[in-house]
Amino acid sequence: MGKPRHRRRRAVTAALSAVVLLVVAIAAAGLWRLSVHERNIERVEGAAPTESGRPSGDPGTNWLLVGSDLRGGPVEGKWRSGEAHADAVMLLHLPTDAESAVVVSIPRDAWVTVPGRGKDEVSTAFREGGPALLTRTVEELADVRVDHFAVVDFHGFEAMVDALGGVDVHVKEDVDDPSNAWSWSAGHHRMDGEEALRFVRERKGLPEGTADRAKRQQALLKAMGEEAVDAGIVRDPVKLDAFLGAASGSLAVDEEAGAGTLRALAVRLARIGPEGLTFTSLPVAATDWVEGRNIARLDREVADGLFTALREDRAVEHVAERGLGNEVDRVR
């Protein structure tokens, strides 16, 4: 399996996005485990829209990653019309350069153009039209082609954290949300699945609202990768199978994302290493109220600059030059 340092490198790297909640343990333990659990992963029919009007392929590969707030147990496709929001939305961009990758968080309440609906929150696209409409919405927003789609439900997220025995997160200042009776003191926190889910869904008590929530989501995913190694999951077949079972049972991907696709993603992320990953979020210029909903108006100048850099295969350099990167080791 290699030296412990290499196992940590693979596990931490692979945990950097929702789809890799499954790949994290696969990349750490060895790709031979993929065939055991791959059959549990759902394939979402029609996750990609029809070809008409879609952007042409930009350099590299783009994964649209979604955390769904659907409750009530397993559901085919992780989506029911009118019931499931895209509570976490991330675009994972793998450029042609094998030494880097970019994770872009999109605020769930970002006010965008939803094809066929006009202006609305990006999460509404998923709630009303499922994976295909959300994909089309993000493609129109960014003018990039989404190559693959993946969604994880929150029931599975809790199960994965608990299968790891909990995760460690560092909070850099006291946070209190009286409306939900939630609070976190500054310092180190050991979280089980239920608390981790509250942590990534928090918004009202955070100074920067959705922007801070996106950083929390990225921090939790990284923490899961670290725990996959620190808890001995790599060396313990029982723990490993429990985690892989929870992950594969809660993950759904597009029909084109077969075992080979996931295996290639794991290998790519392991090669990149943590130093090659860049975290960022679409900037919010202002919040507003529309028809009783608190929405986020994006800073389109900054967002468009980021998307242009992504299309031109220079997003990593652009984020660094403009200071757009997110700190995820210590979050609010």
C-alpha atoms as a PDB file:
ATOM      1  CA  MET A   1       0.000   0.000   0.000  1.00  0.00           C
ATOM      2  CA  GLY A   2       2.992   2.290   0.207  1.00  0.00           C
ATOM      3  CA  LYS A   3       4.239   4.407   3.037  1.00  0.00           C
ATOM      4  CA  PRO A   4       1.797   6.034   5.495  1.00  0.00           C
ATOM      5  CA  ARG A   5       2.623   9.489   4.130  1.00  0.00           C
ATOM      6  CA  HIS A   6       1.553   8.388   0.677  1.00  0.00           C
ATOM      7  CA  ARG A   7      -1.675   6.894   1.998  1.00  0.00           C
ATOM      8  CA  ARG A   8      -2.499  10.209   3.687  1.00  0.00           C
ATOM      9  CA  ARG A   9      -1.700  12.096   0.478  1.00  0.00           C
ATOM     10  CA  ARG A  10      -4.114   9.974  -1.521  1.00  0.00           C
ATOM     11  CA  ALA A  11      -6.897  10.018   1.079  1.00  0.00           C
ATOM     12  CA  VAL A  12      -6.800  13.752   1.776  1.00  0.00           C
ATOM     13  CA  THR A  13      -6.660  14.597  -1.906  1.00  0.00           C
ATOM     14  CA  ALA A  14      -9.560  12.362  -2.819  1.00  0.00           C
ATOM     15  CA  ALA A  15     -11.831  13.848  -0.150  1.00  0.00           C
ATOM     16  CA  LEU A  16     -11.900  17.271  -1.721  1.00  0.00           C
ATOM     17  CA  SER A  17     -15.306  17.034  -3.361  1.00  0.00           C
ATOM     18  CA  ALA A  18     -18.618  15.289  -2.923  1.00  0.00           C
ATOM     19  CA  VAL A  19     -18.128  12.647  -5.588  1.00  0.00           C
ATOM     20  CA  VAL A  20     -14.828  11.650  -4.015  1.00  0.00           C
ATOM     21  CA  LEU A  21     -16.501  10.748  -0.740  1.00  0.00           C
ATOM     22  CA  LEU A  22     -16.479   7.297  -2.294  1.00  0.00           C
ATOM     23  CA  VAL A  23     -13.124   7.539  -4.029  1.00  0.00           C
ATOM     24  CA  VAL A  24     -11.314   8.724  -0.870  1.00  0.00           C
ATOM     25  CA  ALA A  25     -11.158   5.276   0.677  1.00  0.00           C
ATOM     26  CA  ILE A  26     -10.680   3.563  -2.673  1.00  0.00           C
ATOM     27  CA  ALA A  27      -7.649   5.698  -3.484  1.00  0.00           C
ATOM     28  CA  ALA A  28      -6.235   5.164  -0.002  1.00  0.00           C
ATOM     29  CA  ALA A  29      -6.808   1.430   0.247  1.00  0.00           C
ATOM     30  CA  GLY A  30      -6.098   0.399  -3.327  1.00  0.00           C
ATOM     31  CA  LEU A  31      -8.143   0.469  -6.514  1.00  0.00           C
ATOM     32  CA  TRP A  32      -8.853  -3.245  -6.212  1.00  0.00           C
ATOM     33  CA  ARG A  33     -11.696  -2.450  -3.788  1.00  0.00           C
ATOM     34  CA  LEU A  34     -13.593  -0.479  -6.413  1.00  0.00           C
ATOM     35  CA  SER A  35     -15.122  -3.537  -8.091  1.00  0.00           C
ATOM     36  CA  VAL A  36     -16.547  -4.718  -4.745  1.00  0.00           C
ATOM     37  CA  HIS A  37     -18.649  -1.602  -4.134  1.00  0.00           C
ATOM     38  CA  GLU A  38     -19.045   0.009  -7.558  1.00  0.00           C
ATOM     39  CA  ARG A  39     -22.228  -1.959  -8.242  1.00  0.00           C
ATOM     40  CA  ASN A  40     -23.935  -0.148  -5.326  1.00  0.00           C
ATOM     41  CA  ILE A  41     -23.565   3.256  -6.986  1.00  0.00           C
ATOM     42  CA  GLU A  42     -26.725   4.463  -8.698  1.00  0.00           C
ATOM     43  CA  ARG A  43     -26.671   5.693 -12.289  1.00  0.00           C
ATOM     44  CA  VAL A  44     -28.897   8.711 -12.939  1.00  0.00           C
ATOM     45  CA  GLU A  45     -30.666   8.552 -16.286  1.00  0.00           C
ATOM     46  CA  GLY A  46     -30.751  11.859 -18.114  1.00  0.00           C
ATOM     47  CA  ALA A  47     -28.309  13.598 -15.757  1.00  0.00           C
ATOM     48  CA  ALA A  48     -26.792  15.275 -18.800  1.00  0.00           C
ATOM     49  CA  PRO A  49     -29.092  17.526 -20.854  1.00  0.00           C
ATOM     50  CA  THR A  50     -29.628  17.040 -24.582  1.00  0.00           C
ATOM     51  CA  GLU A  51     -26.767  18.168 -26.813  1.00  0.00           C
ATOM     52  CA  SER A  52     -28.619  21.129 -28.296  1.00  0.00           C
ATOM     53  CA  GLY A  53     -27.324  24.490 -27.100  1.00  0.00           C
ATOM     54  CA  ARG A  54     -24.699  23.118 -24.685  1.00  0.00           C
ATOM     55  CA  PRO A  55     -21.225  24.696 -24.471  1.00  0.00           C
ATOM     56  CA  SER A  56     -18.467  23.081 -26.448  1.00  0.00           C
ATOM     57  CA  GLY A  57     -15.896  21.154 -24.443  1.00  0.00           C
ATOM     58  CA  ASP A  58     -13.317  23.302 -22.650  1.00  0.00           C
ATOM     59  CA  PRO A  59      -9.837  22.003 -21.783  1.00  0.00           C
ATOM     60  CA  GLY A  60      -9.918  19.405 -19.047  1.00  0.00           C
ATOM     61  CA  THR A  61     -12.856  17.687 -17.332  1.00  0.00           C
ATOM     62  CA  ASN A  62     -15.680  19.147 -15.224  1.00  0.00           C
ATOM     63  CA  TRP A  63     -17.666  17.306 -12.529  1.00  0.00           C
ATOM     64  CA  LEU A  64     -20.826  18.884 -11.098  1.00  0.00           C
ATOM     65  CA  LEU A  65     -21.075  17.737  -7.470  1.00  0.00           C
ATOM     66  CA  VAL A  66     -24.230  18.035  -5.365  1.00  0.00           C
ATOM     67  CA  GLY A  67     -25.154  17.431  -1.746  1.00  0.00           C
ATOM     68  CA  SER A  68     -28.919  16.828  -1.597  1.00  0.00           C
ATOM     69  CA  ASP A  69     -31.061  17.672   1.429  1.00  0.00           C
ATOM     70  CA  LEU A  70     -33.632  14.997   0.548  1.00  0.00           C
ATOM     71  CA  ARG A  71     -34.871  13.200   3.671  1.00  0.00           C
ATOM     72  CA  GLY A  72     -36.855  10.046   4.230  1.00  0.00           C
ATOM     73  CA  GLY A  73     -34.396   7.341   3.216  1.00  0.00           C
ATOM     74  CA  PRO A  74     -32.889   6.172  -0.071  1.00  0.00           C
ATOM     75  CA  VAL A  75     -34.467   7.463  -3.275  1.00  0.00           C
ATOM     76  CA  GLU A  76     -33.606   6.495  -6.819  1.00  0.00           C
ATOM     77  CA  GLY A  77     -31.509   9.246  -8.345  1.00  0.00           C
ATOM     78  CA  LYS A  78     -31.339  11.119  -4.991  1.00  0.00           C
ATOM     79  CA  TRP A  79     -34.064  13.454  -6.223  1.00  0.00           C
ATOM     80  CA  ARG A  80     -37.847  13.830  -6.113  1.00  0.00           C
ATOM     81  CA  SER A  81     -39.508  16.603  -8.066  1.00  0.00           C
ATOM     82  CA  GLY A  82     -40.401  19.468  -5.756  1.00  0.00           C
ATOM     83  CA  GLU A  83     -38.777  17.903  -2.678  1.00  0.00           C
ATOM     84  CA  ALA A  84     -34.965  17.904  -2.910  1.00  0.00           C
ATOM     85  CA  HIS A  85     -32.750  20.984  -2.867  1.00  0.00           C
ATOM     86  CA  ALA A  86     -29.141  21.114  -3.994  1.00  0.00           C
ATOM     87  CA  ASP A  87     -27.888  22.188  -0.582  1.00  0.00           C
ATOM     88  CA  ALA A  88     -24.252  22.050  -1.668  1.00  0.00           C
ATOM     89  CA  VAL A  89     -23.154  22.641  -5.269  1.00  0.00           C
ATOM     90  CA  MET A  90     -19.528  22.373  -6.396  1.00  0.00           C
ATOM     91  CA  LEU A  91     -17.824  22.353  -9.769  1.00  0.00           C
ATOM     92  CA  LEU A  92     -14.662  20.239  -9.789  1.00  0.00           C
ATOM     93  CA  HIS A  93     -12.428  21.256 -12.698  1.00  0.00           C
ATOM     94  CA  LEU A  94      -9.565  19.003 -13.747  1.00  0.00           C
ATOM     95  CA  PRO A  95      -7.450  20.930 -16.260  1.00  0.00           C
ATOM     96  CA  THR A  96      -5.255  19.344 -18.888  1.00  0.00           C
ATOM     97  CA  ASP A  97      -2.328  19.809 -16.493  1.00  0.00           C
ATOM     98  CA  ALA A  98      -2.261  16.670 -14.351  1.00  0.00           C
ATOM     99  CA  GLU A  99      -0.654  18.563 -11.459  1.00  0.00           C
ATOM    100  CA  SER A 100      -3.644  20.671 -10.424  1.00  0.00           C
ATOM    101  CA  ALA A 101      -7.403  20.843  -9.936  1.00  0.00           C
ATOM    102  CA  VAL A 102      -9.923  23.459  -8.826  1.00  0.00           C
ATOM    103  CA  VAL A 103     -13.044  23.119  -6.647  1.00  0.00           C
ATOM    104  CA  VAL A 104     -15.538  25.982  -7.119  1.00  0.00           C
ATOM    105  CA  SER A 105     -18.426  26.232  -4.634  1.00  0.00           C
ATOM    106  CA  ILE A 106     -21.651  27.771  -5.983  1.00  0.00           C
ATOM    107  CA  PRO A 107     -23.975  29.251  -3.317  1.00  0.00           C
ATOM    108  CA  ARG A 108     -27.241  27.278  -3.280  1.00  0.00           C
ATOM    109  CA  ASP A 109     -29.245  30.531  -3.172  1.00  0.00           C
ATOM    110  CA  ALA A 110     -27.278  32.196  -5.995  1.00  0.00           C
ATOM    111  CA  TRP A 111     -29.696  34.147  -8.200  1.00  0.00           C
ATOM    112  CA  VAL A 112     -29.105  32.830 -11.710  1.00  0.00           C
ATOM    113  CA  THR A 113     -30.880  32.172 -14.989  1.00  0.00           C
ATOM    114  CA  VAL A 114     -32.608  28.783 -14.926  1.00  0.00           C
ATOM    115  CA  PRO A 115     -33.439  27.633 -18.481  1.00  0.00           C
ATOM    116  CA  GLY A 116     -37.185  27.662 -19.013  1.00  0.00           C
ATOM    117  CA  ARG A 117     -37.858  29.399 -15.675  1.00  0.00           C
ATOM    118  CA  GLY A 118     -36.051  32.729 -15.844  1.00  0.00           C
ATOM    119  CA  LYS A 119     -34.298  34.112 -12.789  1.00  0.00           C
ATOM    120  CA  ASP A 120     -34.317  31.833  -9.742  1.00  0.00           C
ATOM    121  CA  GLU A 121     -32.087  30.258  -7.103  1.00  0.00           C
ATOM    122  CA  VAL A 122     -29.663  27.673  -8.411  1.00  0.00           C
ATOM    123  CA  SER A 123     -31.021  25.106  -5.938  1.00  0.00           C
ATOM    124  CA  THR A 124     -34.474  25.506  -7.488  1.00  0.00           C
ATOM    125  CA  ALA A 125     -33.138  24.072 -10.735  1.00  0.00           C
ATOM    126  CA  PHE A 126     -32.372  20.814  -8.941  1.00  0.00           C
ATOM    127  CA  ARG A 127     -35.596  20.802  -6.941  1.00  0.00           C
ATOM    128  CA  GLU A 128     -37.834  21.352  -9.954  1.00  0.00           C
ATOM    129  CA  GLY A 129     -35.893  19.757 -12.799  1.00  0.00           C
ATOM    130  CA  GLY A 130     -33.381  17.403 -11.224  1.00  0.00           C
ATOM    131  CA  PRO A 131     -29.820  16.744 -12.402  1.00  0.00           C
ATOM    132  CA  ALA A 132     -30.418  17.646 -16.049  1.00  0.00           C
ATOM    133  CA  LEU A 133     -31.831  21.117 -15.310  1.00  0.00           C
ATOM    134  CA  LEU A 134     -29.172  21.863 -12.690  1.00  0.00           C
ATOM    135  CA  THR A 135     -26.466  20.830 -15.153  1.00  0.00           C
ATOM    136  CA  ARG A 136     -27.958  23.059 -17.846  1.00  0.00           C
ATOM    137  CA  THR A 137     -28.185  25.952 -15.366  1.00  0.00           C
ATOM    138  CA  VAL A 138     -24.524  25.682 -14.329  1.00  0.00           C
ATOM    139  CA  GLU A 139     -23.427  25.336 -17.942  1.00  0.00           C
ATOM    140  CA  GLU A 140     -25.290  28.532 -18.832  1.00  0.00           C
ATOM    141  CA  LEU A 141     -23.890  30.335 -15.784  1.00  0.00           C
ATOM    142  CA  ALA A 142     -20.280  29.367 -16.436  1.00  0.00           C
ATOM    143  CA  ASP A 143     -20.318  28.737 -20.185  1.00  0.00           C
ATOM    144  CA  VAL A 144     -18.442  25.470 -19.557  1.00  0.00           C
ATOM    145  CA  ARG A 145     -19.500  21.935 -20.399  1.00  0.00           C
ATOM    146  CA  VAL A 146     -20.295  19.607 -17.479  1.00  0.00           C
ATOM    147  CA  ASP A 147     -18.810  16.210 -18.301  1.00  0.00           C
ATOM    148  CA  HIS A 148     -20.046  14.268 -15.262  1.00  0.00           C
ATOM    149  CA  PHE A 149     -22.609  14.646 -12.472  1.00  0.00           C
ATOM    150  CA  ALA A 150     -22.660  13.183  -8.957  1.00  0.00           C
ATOM    151  CA  VAL A 151     -25.016  13.605  -5.994  1.00  0.00           C
ATOM    152  CA  VAL A 152     -24.753  12.482  -2.357  1.00  0.00           C
ATOM    153  CA  ASP A 153     -27.784  12.559  -0.025  1.00  0.00           C
ATOM    154  CA  PHE A 154     -27.471  13.816   3.528  1.00  0.00           C
ATOM    155  CA  HIS A 155     -28.599  10.533   5.048  1.00  0.00           C
ATOM    156  CA  GLY A 156     -25.550   8.941   3.444  1.00  0.00           C
ATOM    157  CA  PHE A 157     -23.309  11.829   4.525  1.00  0.00           C
ATOM    158  CA  GLU A 158     -24.187  11.210   8.179  1.00  0.00           C
ATOM    159  CA  ALA A 159     -23.611   7.472   7.757  1.00  0.00           C
ATOM    160  CA  MET A 160     -20.179   8.049   6.216  1.00  0.00           C
ATOM    161  CA  VAL A 161     -19.025  10.332   9.035  1.00  0.00           C
ATOM    162  CA  ASP A 162     -20.257   7.835  11.628  1.00  0.00           C
ATOM    163  CA  ALA A 163     -18.554   4.962   9.788  1.00  0.00           C
ATOM    164  CA  LEU A 164     -15.312   6.899  10.204  1.00  0.00           C
ATOM    165  CA  GLY A 165     -15.948   7.304  13.937  1.00  0.00           C
ATOM    166  CA  GLY A 166     -16.346  11.084  13.587  1.00  0.00           C
ATOM    167  CA  VAL A 167     -14.190  13.879  12.146  1.00  0.00           C
ATOM    168  CA  ASP A 168     -12.083  16.743  13.516  1.00  0.00           C
ATOM    169  CA  VAL A 169     -12.758  20.363  12.564  1.00  0.00           C
ATOM    170  CA  HIS A 170     -11.163  23.588  13.829  1.00  0.00           C
ATOM    171  CA  VAL A 171     -13.515  26.566  14.326  1.00  0.00           C
ATOM    172  CA  LYS A 172     -11.673  29.884  14.488  1.00  0.00           C
ATOM    173  CA  GLU A 173     -14.292  31.926  16.355  1.00  0.00           C
ATOM    174  CA  ASP A 174     -17.472  31.423  18.395  1.00  0.00           C
ATOM    175  CA  VAL A 175     -20.591  30.939  16.290  1.00  0.00           C
ATOM    176  CA  ASP A 176     -24.142  31.057  17.615  1.00  0.00           C
ATOM    177  CA  ASP A 177     -27.438  30.553  15.790  1.00  0.00           C
ATOM    178  CA  PRO A 178     -30.339  31.104  18.227  1.00  0.00           C
ATOM    179  CA  SER A 179     -32.929  30.367  15.538  1.00  0.00           C
ATOM    180  CA  ASN A 180     -31.766  26.740  15.347  1.00  0.00           C
ATOM    181  CA  ALA A 181     -30.319  26.492  18.862  1.00  0.00           C
ATOM    182  CA  TRP A 182     -26.951  25.648  17.303  1.00  0.00           C
ATOM    183  CA  SER A 183     -23.603  26.924  18.538  1.00  0.00           C
ATOM    184  CA  TRP A 184     -19.919  26.158  18.103  1.00  0.00           C
ATOM    185  CA  SER A 185     -17.169  27.543  20.308  1.00  0.00           C
ATOM    186  CA  ALA A 186     -13.794  28.530  18.920  1.00  0.00           C
ATOM    187  CA  GLY A 187     -11.295  25.677  18.842  1.00  0.00           C
ATOM    188  CA  HIS A 188     -11.171  21.992  18.036  1.00  0.00           C
ATOM    189  CA  HIS A 189     -14.388  19.982  17.613  1.00  0.00           C
ATOM    190  CA  ARG A 190     -14.893  16.234  17.248  1.00  0.00           C
ATOM    191  CA  MET A 191     -18.127  15.755  15.298  1.00  0.00           C
ATOM    192  CA  ASP A 192     -20.311  12.732  14.685  1.00  0.00           C
ATOM    193  CA  GLY A 193     -22.495  12.476  11.586  1.00  0.00           C
ATOM    194  CA  GLU A 194     -25.437  14.425  13.007  1.00  0.00           C
ATOM    195  CA  GLU A 195     -23.312  17.349  14.217  1.00  0.00           C
ATOM    196  CA  ALA A 196     -21.243  17.362  11.024  1.00  0.00           C
ATOM    197  CA  LEU A 197     -24.443  17.683   9.001  1.00  0.00           C
ATOM    198  CA  ARG A 198     -25.619  20.610  11.141  1.00  0.00           C
ATOM    199  CA  PHE A 199     -22.174  22.172  10.738  1.00  0.00           C
ATOM    200  CA  VAL A 200     -22.195  22.085   6.918  1.00  0.00           C
ATOM    201  CA  ARG A 201     -25.805  23.295   6.708  1.00  0.00           C
ATOM    202  CA  GLU A 202     -25.340  26.283   9.052  1.00  0.00           C
ATOM    203  CA  ARG A 203     -25.751  29.741   7.524  1.00  0.00           C
ATOM    204  CA  LYS A 204     -27.773  32.092   9.731  1.00  0.00           C
ATOM    205  CA  GLY A 205     -25.147  32.372  12.482  1.00  0.00           C
ATOM    206  CA  LEU A 206     -22.221  32.925  10.104  1.00  0.00           C
ATOM    207  CA  PRO A 207     -20.909  36.456   9.393  1.00  0.00           C
ATOM    208  CA  GLU A 208     -20.654  35.849   5.650  1.00  0.00           C
ATOM    209  CA  GLY A 209     -23.620  33.485   5.349  1.00  0.00           C
ATOM    210  CA  THR A 210     -23.437  31.264   2.292  1.00  0.00           C
ATOM    211  CA  ALA A 211     -19.758  32.079   1.673  1.00  0.00           C
ATOM    212  CA  ASP A 212     -18.812  30.774   5.121  1.00  0.00           C
ATOM    213  CA  ARG A 213     -21.061  27.738   4.668  1.00  0.00           C
ATOM    214  CA  ALA A 214     -19.243  26.802   1.450  1.00  0.00           C
ATOM    215  CA  LYS A 215     -15.925  26.880   3.303  1.00  0.00           C
ATOM    216  CA  ARG A 216     -17.392  24.670   6.037  1.00  0.00           C
ATOM    217  CA  GLN A 217     -18.510  22.139   3.450  1.00  0.00           C
ATOM    218  CA  GLN A 218     -15.060  22.035   1.905  1.00  0.00           C
ATOM    219  CA  ALA A 219     -13.442  21.751   5.339  1.00  0.00           C
ATOM    220  CA  LEU A 220     -15.643  18.782   6.308  1.00  0.00           C
ATOM    221  CA  LEU A 221     -14.833  16.929   3.119  1.00  0.00           C
ATOM    222  CA  LYS A 222     -11.129  17.385   3.718  1.00  0.00           C
ATOM    223  CA  ALA A 223     -11.545  16.272   7.343  1.00  0.00           C
ATOM    224  CA  MET A 224     -13.228  13.076   6.169  1.00  0.00           C
ATOM    225  CA  GLY A 225     -10.205  12.278   4.050  1.00  0.00           C
ATOM    226  CA  GLU A 226      -7.853  12.833   6.966  1.00  0.00           C
ATOM    227  CA  GLU A 227      -9.963  10.657   9.239  1.00  0.00           C
ATOM    228  CA  ALA A 228     -10.031   7.845   6.675  1.00  0.00           C
ATOM    229  CA  VAL A 229      -6.318   7.416   7.394  1.00  0.00           C
ATOM    230  CA  ASP A 230      -6.077   8.520  11.038  1.00  0.00           C
ATOM    231  CA  ALA A 231      -8.820   6.120  12.151  1.00  0.00           C
ATOM    232  CA  GLY A 232      -6.972   3.204  10.625  1.00  0.00           C
ATOM    233  CA  ILE A 233      -9.626   2.607   8.001  1.00  0.00           C
ATOM    234  CA  VAL A 234      -6.934   1.907   5.419  1.00  0.00           C
ATOM    235  CA  ARG A 235      -5.610  -1.016   7.462  1.00  0.00           C
ATOM    236  CA  ASP A 236      -8.918  -2.294   8.832  1.00  0.00           C
ATOM    237  CA  PRO A 237     -11.024  -4.248   6.297  1.00  0.00           C
ATOM    238  CA  VAL A 238     -14.130  -4.081   8.512  1.00  0.00           C
ATOM    239  CA  LYS A 239     -13.978  -0.280   8.888  1.00  0.00           C
ATOM    240  CA  LEU A 240     -13.091   0.123   5.245  1.00  0.00           C
ATOM    241  CA  ASP A 241     -16.060  -1.916   4.044  1.00  0.00           C
ATOM    242  CA  ALA A 242     -18.406  -0.071   6.415  1.00  0.00           C
ATOM    243  CA  PHE A 243     -17.294   3.275   5.022  1.00  0.00           C
ATOM    244  CA  LEU A 244     -17.344   2.129   1.406  1.00  0.00           C
ATOM    245  CA  GLY A 245     -20.787   0.629   1.928  1.00  0.00           C
ATOM    246  CA  ALA A 246     -22.136   3.907   3.301  1.00  0.00           C
ATOM    247  CA  ALA A 247     -20.450   5.911   0.539  1.00  0.00           C
ATOM    248  CA  SER A 248     -21.425   3.763  -2.417  1.00  0.00           C
ATOM    249  CA  GLY A 249     -24.988   3.378  -1.143  1.00  0.00           C
ATOM    250  CA  SER A 250     -25.503   7.140  -0.957  1.00  0.00           C
ATOM    251  CA  LEU A 251     -23.847   8.150  -4.221  1.00  0.00           C
ATOM    252  CA  ALA A 252     -25.477   8.543  -7.638  1.00  0.00           C
ATOM    253  CA  VAL A 253     -23.607   9.492 -10.811  1.00  0.00           C
ATOM    254  CA  ASP A 254     -24.398  10.018 -14.469  1.00  0.00           C
ATOM    255  CA  GLU A 255     -24.740   7.026 -16.760  1.00  0.00           C
ATOM    256  CA  GLU A 256     -21.380   7.639 -18.404  1.00  0.00           C
ATOM    257  CA  ALA A 257     -19.443   7.545 -15.115  1.00  0.00           C
ATOM    258  CA  GLY A 258     -18.582   3.874 -14.907  1.00  0.00           C
ATOM    259  CA  ALA A 259     -16.057   2.067 -12.760  1.00  0.00           C
ATOM    260  CA  GLY A 260     -13.257   3.069 -15.091  1.00  0.00           C
ATOM    261  CA  THR A 261     -14.246   6.739 -14.831  1.00  0.00           C
ATOM    262  CA  LEU A 262     -14.180   6.687 -11.025  1.00  0.00           C
ATOM    263  CA  ARG A 263     -10.914   4.758 -11.039  1.00  0.00           C
ATOM    264  CA  ALA A 264      -9.348   7.337 -13.368  1.00  0.00           C
ATOM    265  CA  LEU A 265     -10.576  10.152 -11.102  1.00  0.00           C
ATOM    266  CA  ALA A 266      -9.009   8.501  -8.051  1.00  0.00           C
ATOM    267  CA  VAL A 267      -5.689   8.041  -9.852  1.00  0.00           C
ATOM    268  CA  ARG A 268      -5.758  11.643 -11.099  1.00  0.00           C
ATOM    269  CA  LEU A 269      -6.431  13.126  -7.662  1.00  0.00           C
ATOM    270  CA  ALA A 270      -3.825  10.913  -6.033  1.00  0.00           C
ATOM    271  CA  ARG A 271      -1.271  12.131  -8.578  1.00  0.00           C
ATOM    272  CA  ILE A 272      -2.163  15.770  -7.977  1.00  0.00           C
ATOM    273  CA  GLY A 273      -1.676  15.649  -4.211  1.00  0.00           C
ATOM    274  CA  PRO A 274      -3.041  18.197  -1.698  1.00  0.00           C
ATOM    275  CA  GLU A 275      -0.595  20.871  -2.824  1.00  0.00           C
ATOM    276  CA  GLY A 276      -2.167  20.757  -6.278  1.00  0.00           C
ATOM    277  CA  LEU A 277      -5.748  21.449  -5.126  1.00  0.00           C
ATOM    278  CA  THR A 278      -7.269  24.939  -5.165  1.00  0.00           C
ATOM    279  CA  PHE A 279     -10.503  25.762  -3.285  1.00  0.00           C
ATOM    280  CA  THR A 280     -12.575  28.802  -4.197  1.00  0.00           C
ATOM    281  CA  SER A 281     -16.192  30.045  -4.173  1.00  0.00           C
ATOM    282  CA  LEU A 282     -18.245  32.213  -6.480  1.00  0.00           C
ATOM    283  CA  PRO A 283     -18.210  35.656  -4.834  1.00  0.00           C
ATOM    284  CA  VAL A 284     -21.441  37.212  -3.565  1.00  0.00           C
ATOM    285  CA  ALA A 285     -21.810  40.927  -4.247  1.00  0.00           C
ATOM    286  CA  ALA A 286     -24.936  41.354  -2.115  1.00  0.00           C
ATOM    287  CA  THR A 287     -27.878  39.542  -0.576  1.00  0.00           C
ATOM    288  CA  ASP A 288     -31.461  40.482  -1.294  1.00  0.00           C
ATOM    289  CA  TRP A 289     -35.077  39.438  -0.757  1.00  0.00           C
ATOM    290  CA  VAL A 290     -37.148  38.239  -3.702  1.00  0.00           C
ATOM    291  CA  GLU A 291     -40.678  36.955  -3.133  1.00  0.00           C
ATOM    292  CA  GLY A 292     -39.897  36.230   0.505  1.00  0.00           C
ATOM    293  CA  ARG A 293     -36.657  34.392  -0.254  1.00  0.00           C
ATOM    294  CA  ASN A 294     -33.193  35.516   0.819  1.00  0.00           C
ATOM    295  CA  ILE A 295     -31.103  35.260  -2.344  1.00  0.00           C
ATOM    296  CA  ALA A 296     -27.431  35.873  -3.178  1.00  0.00           C
ATOM    297  CA  ARG A 297     -26.520  38.155  -6.065  1.00  0.00           C
ATOM    298  CA  LEU A 298     -23.201  37.045  -7.497  1.00  0.00           C
ATOM    299  CA  ASP A 299     -20.345  39.403  -8.272  1.00  0.00           C
ATOM    300  CA  ARG A 300     -20.580  38.664 -11.978  1.00  0.00           C
ATOM    301  CA  GLU A 301     -17.416  40.532 -12.916  1.00  0.00           C
ATOM    302  CA  VAL A 302     -15.314  38.394 -10.574  1.00  0.00           C
ATOM    303  CA  ALA A 303     -17.256  35.197 -11.364  1.00  0.00           C
ATOM    304  CA  ASP A 304     -16.981  35.752 -15.113  1.00  0.00           C
ATOM    305  CA  GLY A 305     -13.249  36.321 -14.766  1.00  0.00           C
ATOM    306  CA  LEU A 306     -12.936  33.001 -12.932  1.00  0.00           C
ATOM    307  CA  PHE A 307     -14.994  31.143 -15.530  1.00  0.00           C
ATOM    308  CA  THR A 308     -12.997  32.690 -18.372  1.00  0.00           C
ATOM    309  CA  ALA A 309      -9.792  31.520 -16.708  1.00  0.00           C
ATOM    310  CA  LEU A 310     -11.311  28.056 -16.296  1.00  0.00           C
ATOM    311  CA  ARG A 311     -12.200  27.865 -19.989  1.00  0.00           C
ATOM    312  CA  GLU A 312      -8.671  28.956 -20.869  1.00  0.00           C
ATOM    313  CA  ASP A 313      -7.099  26.340 -18.585  1.00  0.00           C
ATOM    314  CA  ARG A 314      -5.528  28.882 -16.227  1.00  0.00           C
ATOM    315  CA  ALA A 315      -7.944  28.864 -13.277  1.00  0.00           C
ATOM    316  CA  VAL A 316      -5.285  27.883 -10.718  1.00  0.00           C
ATOM    317  CA  GLU A 317      -3.101  30.835 -11.635  1.00  0.00           C
ATOM    318  CA  HIS A 318      -6.111  33.169 -11.746  1.00  0.00           C
ATOM    319  CA  VAL A 319      -7.292  32.220  -8.245  1.00  0.00           C
ATOM    320  CA  ALA A 320      -3.800  32.710  -6.830  1.00  0.00           C
ATOM    321  CA  GLU A 321      -3.241  36.049  -8.587  1.00  0.00           C
ATOM    322  CA  ARG A 322      -6.609  37.460  -7.474  1.00  0.00           C
ATOM    323  CA  GLY A 323      -6.520  36.084  -3.927  1.00  0.00           C
ATOM    324  CA  LEU A 324      -9.736  34.097  -4.423  1.00  0.00           C
ATOM    325  CA  GLY A 325      -8.657  30.915  -2.630  1.00  0.00           C
ATOM    326  CA  ASN A 326     -10.489  29.567   0.444  1.00  0.00           C
ATOM    327  CA  GLU A 327      -8.818  28.618   3.725  1.00  0.00           C
ATOM    328  CA  VAL A 328     -10.359  25.311   4.836  1.00  0.00           C
ATOM    329  CA  ASP A 329      -8.138  24.202   7.730  1.00  0.00           C
ATOM    330  CA  ARG A 330      -9.700  26.799  10.068  1.00  0.00           C
ATOM    331  CA  VAL A 331     -13.242  27.989   9.375  1.00  0.00           C
ATOM    332  CA  ARG A 332     -15.989  29.974  11.063  1.00  0.00           C
END
